[in-house]
């Protein structure tokens, strides 16, 4: 029986993916093999001569076949890494992107500023998905100032019950001790009903509103890579005919919650709709300043507005 070392099976996997036109062939082969062997990608190369047993070869073959169907690696492995946290994910939630880390960076700056100025902060994230954004923001805020735990109030909403179950699962694994006591997940479309107790308690009291909503137009959706188009949840991607529909729903609902003169609204967006989104925000909210922040590719990605 032929022996397969880490070096040999990895070279085979990379070559096989290249022949099948799988994007990022080397990365795919490395991540899948590392998961099978319980190693980091770096340690694969430190354990080059290790011989895989029958069970390991079978598991790797299974992963290879799934990747050939263009299933994203994060869904195959059931996990994704985002900033400083490891998330459980499945096909009910979007895979967090590197660009979205910029939204967290800006949110961290704004939240720190508000905390320093007011001594407390009330945050809402609309469309939390896996919880990547809000859990990163919350843990990083507390890492900077552990004593602020009772000064932070956070609400995260989503229309998908399945997504909220995943977010809650991630919160349980990431938030230590009593950190979770100030974070509330709510199942609703954008916000709870207008006459709900939550709305009554938060009118004019939201300091920071964050959202990475669907912003792909129906026509642009067809041009997305197969990995995204066929596997990620369409309701978290497609906004409608223009790409602005979700933003408009959010702005129409949230305008009564923000604080005139001191709130901040942060959206992730797309360069295609960025300038139109600025006009839309100004139509719904009276703002002192509004700007678009570029991502790593110098494309307009984050909208920041201050009331």
Protein backbone atom coordinates (compact mmCIF):
# COMPACT_ATOMS: atom_id res chain seq x y z
CA UNK A 1 0.00 0.00 0.00
CA UNK A 2 1.36 3.39 -1.02
CA UNK A 3 2.38 5.70 1.81
CA UNK A 4 1.26 9.31 1.70
CA UNK A 5 3.36 11.82 3.58
CA UNK A 6 2.23 15.36 4.38
CA UNK A 7 4.55 16.63 1.64
CA UNK A 8 3.26 14.22 -0.98
CA UNK A 9 -0.46 14.60 -0.25
CA UNK A 10 -0.14 18.38 -0.06
CA UNK A 11 1.63 18.60 -3.42
CA UNK A 12 -1.02 16.33 -4.91
CA UNK A 13 -3.85 18.40 -3.46
CA UNK A 14 -2.43 21.70 -4.73
CA UNK A 15 -1.87 20.29 -8.23
CA UNK A 16 -5.33 18.70 -8.28
CA UNK A 17 -7.06 21.95 -7.30
CA UNK A 18 -5.09 23.90 -9.91
CA UNK A 19 -6.16 21.49 -12.64
CA UNK A 20 -9.79 21.86 -11.52
CA UNK A 21 -9.54 25.69 -11.43
CA UNK A 22 -10.29 25.91 -7.72
CA UNK A 23 -9.49 29.44 -6.48
CA UNK A 24 -6.47 29.75 -4.15
CA UNK A 25 -5.44 26.15 -4.77
CA UNK A 26 -2.50 26.14 -2.35
CA UNK A 27 -4.44 27.82 0.47
CA UNK A 28 -7.36 25.42 0.01
CA UNK A 29 -5.13 22.34 0.11
CA UNK A 30 -3.19 23.60 3.13
CA UNK A 31 -6.20 24.62 5.22
CA UNK A 32 -8.06 21.38 4.60
CA UNK A 33 -5.05 19.19 5.39
CA UNK A 34 -4.20 21.24 8.47
CA UNK A 35 -7.75 20.74 9.75
CA UNK A 36 -7.59 16.98 9.18
CA UNK A 37 -4.27 16.68 11.04
CA UNK A 38 -5.05 19.22 13.76
CA UNK A 39 -2.06 21.34 12.78
CA UNK A 40 -1.48 24.95 11.84
CA UNK A 41 -0.55 25.70 8.23
CA UNK A 42 2.98 26.50 9.40
CA UNK A 43 3.32 23.17 11.18
CA UNK A 44 2.41 21.28 8.04
CA UNK A 45 5.80 22.28 6.71
CA UNK A 46 7.52 21.31 9.95
CA UNK A 47 5.97 17.84 9.80
CA UNK A 48 6.55 17.17 6.11
CA UNK A 49 7.52 13.50 6.51
CA UNK A 50 4.57 12.47 8.66
CA UNK A 51 2.66 9.59 7.11
CA UNK A 52 -1.15 9.91 7.04
CA UNK A 53 -3.18 6.97 8.30
CA UNK A 54 -6.25 5.55 6.57
CA UNK A 55 -8.73 7.70 8.52
CA UNK A 56 -6.79 10.89 7.81
CA UNK A 57 -6.60 10.09 4.10
CA UNK A 58 -10.34 9.43 4.03
CA UNK A 59 -11.14 12.70 5.78
CA UNK A 60 -8.90 14.65 3.42
CA UNK A 61 -10.49 13.03 0.38
CA UNK A 62 -13.93 13.98 1.69
CA UNK A 63 -12.86 17.60 2.09
CA UNK A 64 -11.27 17.61 -1.37
CA UNK A 65 -14.51 16.40 -2.97
CA UNK A 66 -16.52 19.07 -1.15
CA UNK A 67 -14.12 21.79 -2.26
CA UNK A 68 -14.45 20.56 -5.87
CA UNK A 69 -18.10 21.57 -5.61
CA UNK A 70 -16.83 25.09 -4.81
CA UNK A 71 -18.16 24.89 -1.25
CA UNK A 72 -16.25 27.58 0.69
CA UNK A 73 -13.61 26.20 3.02
CA UNK A 74 -15.21 27.96 6.00
CA UNK A 75 -18.43 26.01 5.45
CA UNK A 76 -16.54 22.74 4.97
CA UNK A 77 -14.69 23.21 8.25
CA UNK A 78 -17.52 24.99 10.08
CA UNK A 79 -15.33 27.81 11.28
CA UNK A 80 -13.97 31.20 10.31
CA UNK A 81 -11.39 33.49 11.88
CA UNK A 82 -12.18 37.19 12.13
CA UNK A 83 -9.81 39.68 13.76
CA UNK A 84 -9.02 38.06 17.12
CA UNK A 85 -11.87 35.56 17.37
CA UNK A 86 -12.75 32.13 16.04
CA UNK A 87 -16.36 31.76 14.90
CA UNK A 88 -18.57 28.78 14.26
CA UNK A 89 -20.38 29.29 10.95
CA UNK A 90 -22.57 27.38 8.54
CA UNK A 91 -24.60 28.17 5.42
CA UNK A 92 -27.10 30.20 7.45
CA UNK A 93 -24.64 33.08 7.84
CA UNK A 94 -22.24 35.03 5.64
CA UNK A 95 -18.55 34.26 5.77
CA UNK A 96 -16.91 37.32 7.40
CA UNK A 97 -14.63 39.24 5.00
CA UNK A 98 -11.34 41.01 5.69
CA UNK A 99 -12.95 44.28 4.54
CA UNK A 100 -15.47 44.01 7.34
CA UNK A 101 -12.63 44.19 9.84
CA UNK A 102 -12.37 47.85 8.84
CA UNK A 103 -15.94 48.36 10.05
CA UNK A 104 -14.92 46.95 13.43
CA UNK A 105 -11.82 49.17 13.53
CA UNK A 106 -13.89 52.28 12.92
CA UNK A 107 -16.56 51.14 15.38
CA UNK A 108 -13.87 50.60 18.02
CA UNK A 109 -12.58 54.14 17.50
CA UNK A 110 -16.07 55.64 17.74
CA UNK A 111 -17.10 53.54 20.72
CA UNK A 112 -13.93 54.43 22.62
CA UNK A 113 -14.50 58.11 21.91
CA UNK A 114 -18.12 57.93 23.12
CA UNK A 115 -17.17 55.95 26.24
CA UNK A 116 -14.47 58.44 27.14
CA UNK A 117 -16.85 61.35 26.63
CA UNK A 118 -20.04 60.02 28.23
CA UNK A 119 -18.85 57.26 30.52
CA UNK A 120 -21.29 54.75 28.99
CA UNK A 121 -22.47 53.60 25.57
CA UNK A 122 -25.57 52.05 24.00
CA UNK A 123 -24.79 50.13 20.78
CA UNK A 124 -26.99 48.39 18.24
CA UNK A 125 -25.94 46.15 15.37
CA UNK A 126 -28.58 45.44 12.75
CA UNK A 127 -28.20 42.15 10.88
CA UNK A 128 -25.66 40.46 13.13
CA UNK A 129 -25.37 37.14 11.26
CA UNK A 130 -22.66 35.07 12.95
CA UNK A 131 -22.01 37.86 15.45
CA UNK A 132 -18.56 38.53 13.97
CA UNK A 133 -18.79 42.33 14.11
CA UNK A 134 -20.42 42.82 17.48
CA UNK A 135 -18.44 40.11 19.28
CA UNK A 136 -15.17 41.50 17.93
CA UNK A 137 -16.12 45.02 18.92
CA UNK A 138 -17.29 44.04 22.40
CA UNK A 139 -14.27 41.89 23.26
CA UNK A 140 -11.82 44.48 21.96
CA UNK A 141 -13.55 47.27 23.87
CA UNK A 142 -13.24 45.28 27.08
CA UNK A 143 -9.65 44.30 26.36
CA UNK A 144 -8.80 48.00 26.22
CA UNK A 145 -10.73 48.83 29.38
CA UNK A 146 -11.95 45.80 31.39
CA UNK A 147 -13.58 48.10 33.93
CA UNK A 148 -16.13 49.26 31.34
CA UNK A 149 -18.16 46.05 31.33
CA UNK A 150 -21.10 47.65 33.16
CA UNK A 151 -20.93 50.78 31.03
CA UNK A 152 -21.62 48.99 27.74
CA UNK A 153 -25.08 47.99 26.54
CA UNK A 154 -25.37 46.12 23.23
CA UNK A 155 -28.30 44.89 21.15
CA UNK A 156 -27.86 42.78 18.02
CA UNK A 157 -30.78 41.95 15.73
CA UNK A 158 -31.36 39.60 12.81
CA UNK A 159 -34.34 38.46 10.78
CA UNK A 160 -33.00 34.90 10.67
CA UNK A 161 -33.59 32.71 13.71
CA UNK A 162 -30.93 30.30 12.44
CA UNK A 163 -28.39 33.11 12.25
CA UNK A 164 -29.22 34.24 15.79
CA UNK A 165 -28.71 30.70 17.07
CA UNK A 166 -25.23 30.74 15.57
CA UNK A 167 -24.49 34.21 16.97
CA UNK A 168 -25.62 33.08 20.41
CA UNK A 169 -23.45 29.96 20.15
CA UNK A 170 -20.46 32.12 19.25
CA UNK A 171 -21.18 34.50 22.11
CA UNK A 172 -21.22 31.61 24.58
CA UNK A 173 -17.84 30.36 23.37
CA UNK A 174 -16.15 33.78 23.09
CA UNK A 175 -17.50 35.81 26.01
CA UNK A 176 -16.02 34.80 29.33
CA UNK A 177 -17.61 35.11 32.75
CA UNK A 178 -20.43 37.63 32.95
CA UNK A 179 -19.48 39.47 29.74
CA UNK A 180 -22.63 38.26 28.01
CA UNK A 181 -24.99 39.93 30.48
CA UNK A 182 -24.92 43.22 28.59
CA UNK A 183 -25.43 41.71 25.12
CA UNK A 184 -28.96 40.97 23.89
CA UNK A 185 -29.85 39.18 20.66
CA UNK A 186 -33.30 39.95 19.24
CA UNK A 187 -35.12 38.19 16.42
CA UNK A 188 -36.80 40.85 14.28
CA UNK A 189 -36.76 42.55 10.90
CA UNK A 190 -34.37 45.50 11.44
CA UNK A 191 -35.79 46.49 14.85
CA UNK A 192 -38.44 45.23 17.27
CA UNK A 193 -42.01 46.44 16.73
CA UNK A 194 -42.53 50.17 17.27
CA UNK A 195 -44.66 49.63 20.37
CA UNK A 196 -42.31 47.12 21.95
CA UNK A 197 -40.76 47.64 25.34
CA UNK A 198 -37.28 47.65 23.76
CA UNK A 199 -38.17 50.53 21.44
CA UNK A 200 -39.74 52.52 24.27
CA UNK A 201 -36.64 52.03 26.41
CA UNK A 202 -34.21 53.01 23.65
CA UNK A 203 -35.85 56.00 21.96
CA UNK A 204 -33.24 58.73 21.58
CA UNK A 205 -30.68 56.64 23.43
CA UNK A 206 -28.59 54.83 20.77
CA UNK A 207 -25.03 56.15 20.68
CA UNK A 208 -23.65 53.90 17.97
CA UNK A 209 -25.54 52.07 15.21
CA UNK A 210 -23.66 49.55 13.05
CA UNK A 211 -24.75 47.44 10.11
CA UNK A 212 -23.32 45.41 7.26
CA UNK A 213 -26.65 44.85 5.48
CA UNK A 214 -27.36 43.26 2.10
CA UNK A 215 -26.14 45.67 -0.57
CA UNK A 216 -25.90 43.59 -3.75
CA UNK A 217 -28.41 44.45 -6.47
CA UNK A 218 -30.38 41.65 -8.11
CA UNK A 219 -28.50 42.09 -11.38
CA UNK A 220 -25.03 42.20 -9.78
CA UNK A 221 -25.77 39.03 -7.79
CA UNK A 222 -25.53 36.95 -10.98
CA UNK A 223 -21.93 38.10 -11.46
CA UNK A 224 -20.73 36.96 -8.04
CA UNK A 225 -18.25 34.06 -7.78
CA UNK A 226 -19.84 30.63 -7.58
CA UNK A 227 -18.60 30.16 -4.00
CA UNK A 228 -20.72 33.12 -2.91
CA UNK A 229 -23.66 32.85 -5.29
CA UNK A 230 -24.38 29.17 -4.73
CA UNK A 231 -23.65 28.77 -1.02
CA UNK A 232 -23.92 31.95 1.04
CA UNK A 233 -27.42 33.01 2.19
CA UNK A 234 -29.01 35.11 -0.56
CA UNK A 235 -31.16 37.04 1.92
CA UNK A 236 -27.95 38.38 3.48
CA UNK A 237 -26.56 39.41 0.10
CA UNK A 238 -29.32 40.71 -2.16
CA UNK A 239 -30.86 44.05 -1.23
CA UNK A 240 -33.17 44.49 -4.22
CA UNK A 241 -33.07 46.19 -7.58
CA UNK A 242 -30.85 49.11 -6.54
CA UNK A 243 -28.73 47.77 -3.68
CA UNK A 244 -30.02 50.50 -1.34
CA UNK A 245 -33.22 48.89 -0.15
CA UNK A 246 -31.86 47.49 3.12
CA UNK A 247 -30.20 50.79 4.04
CA UNK A 248 -33.44 52.67 3.48
CA UNK A 249 -35.35 50.25 5.74
CA UNK A 250 -32.73 50.68 8.45
CA UNK A 251 -32.65 54.47 8.23
CA UNK A 252 -36.43 54.78 8.30
CA UNK A 253 -36.61 52.71 11.48
CA UNK A 254 -33.56 53.94 13.34
CA UNK A 255 -34.01 57.69 13.05
CA UNK A 256 -36.10 57.81 16.22
CA UNK A 257 -33.48 55.96 18.26
CA UNK A 258 -30.38 58.01 17.61
CA UNK A 259 -29.34 61.00 19.70
CA UNK A 260 -29.32 64.36 17.89
CA UNK A 261 -25.88 65.86 18.17
CA UNK A 262 -23.95 62.87 19.50
CA UNK A 263 -24.73 59.59 17.71
CA UNK A 264 -22.68 57.78 15.08
CA UNK A 265 -23.95 55.53 12.28
CA UNK A 266 -21.58 53.10 10.56
CA UNK A 267 -22.45 51.09 7.44
CA UNK A 268 -20.41 48.73 5.35
CA UNK A 269 -21.17 49.40 1.71
CA UNK A 270 -20.02 48.90 -1.86
CA UNK A 271 -18.30 51.44 -4.12
CA UNK A 272 -21.15 51.00 -6.60
CA UNK A 273 -23.70 52.45 -4.18
CA UNK A 274 -21.47 54.56 -1.90
CA UNK A 275 -22.29 58.04 -3.23
CA UNK A 276 -26.00 57.26 -3.45
CA UNK A 277 -25.92 55.96 0.11
CA UNK A 278 -24.52 59.27 1.34
CA UNK A 279 -27.50 61.06 -0.22
CA UNK A 280 -29.89 58.52 1.27
CA UNK A 281 -28.51 58.97 4.79
CA UNK A 282 -28.76 62.75 4.49
CA UNK A 283 -32.38 62.41 3.39
CA UNK A 284 -33.35 60.50 6.55
CA UNK A 285 -30.92 61.75 9.21
CA UNK A 286 -29.68 65.23 10.05
CA UNK A 287 -25.91 64.80 10.17
CA UNK A 288 -23.03 67.09 11.08
CA UNK A 289 -20.57 65.19 8.90
CA UNK A 290 -20.56 62.13 6.69
CA UNK A 291 -17.71 60.36 4.94
CA UNK A 292 -16.75 57.24 2.99
CA UNK A 293 -13.67 55.33 4.14
CA UNK A 294 -11.60 53.28 1.70
CA UNK A 295 -10.76 49.60 2.16
CA UNK A 296 -7.44 47.85 1.56
CA UNK A 297 -7.98 48.13 -2.21
CA UNK A 298 -8.74 51.86 -1.99
CA UNK A 299 -12.42 51.29 -2.67
CA UNK A 300 -15.14 53.09 -0.72
CA UNK A 301 -16.24 50.55 1.88
CA UNK A 302 -17.31 52.17 5.17
CA UNK A 303 -19.81 55.02 5.59
CA UNK A 304 -19.48 57.00 8.80
CA UNK A 305 -22.06 59.61 9.76
CA UNK A 306 -22.23 61.76 12.90
CA UNK A 307 -25.46 63.42 13.96
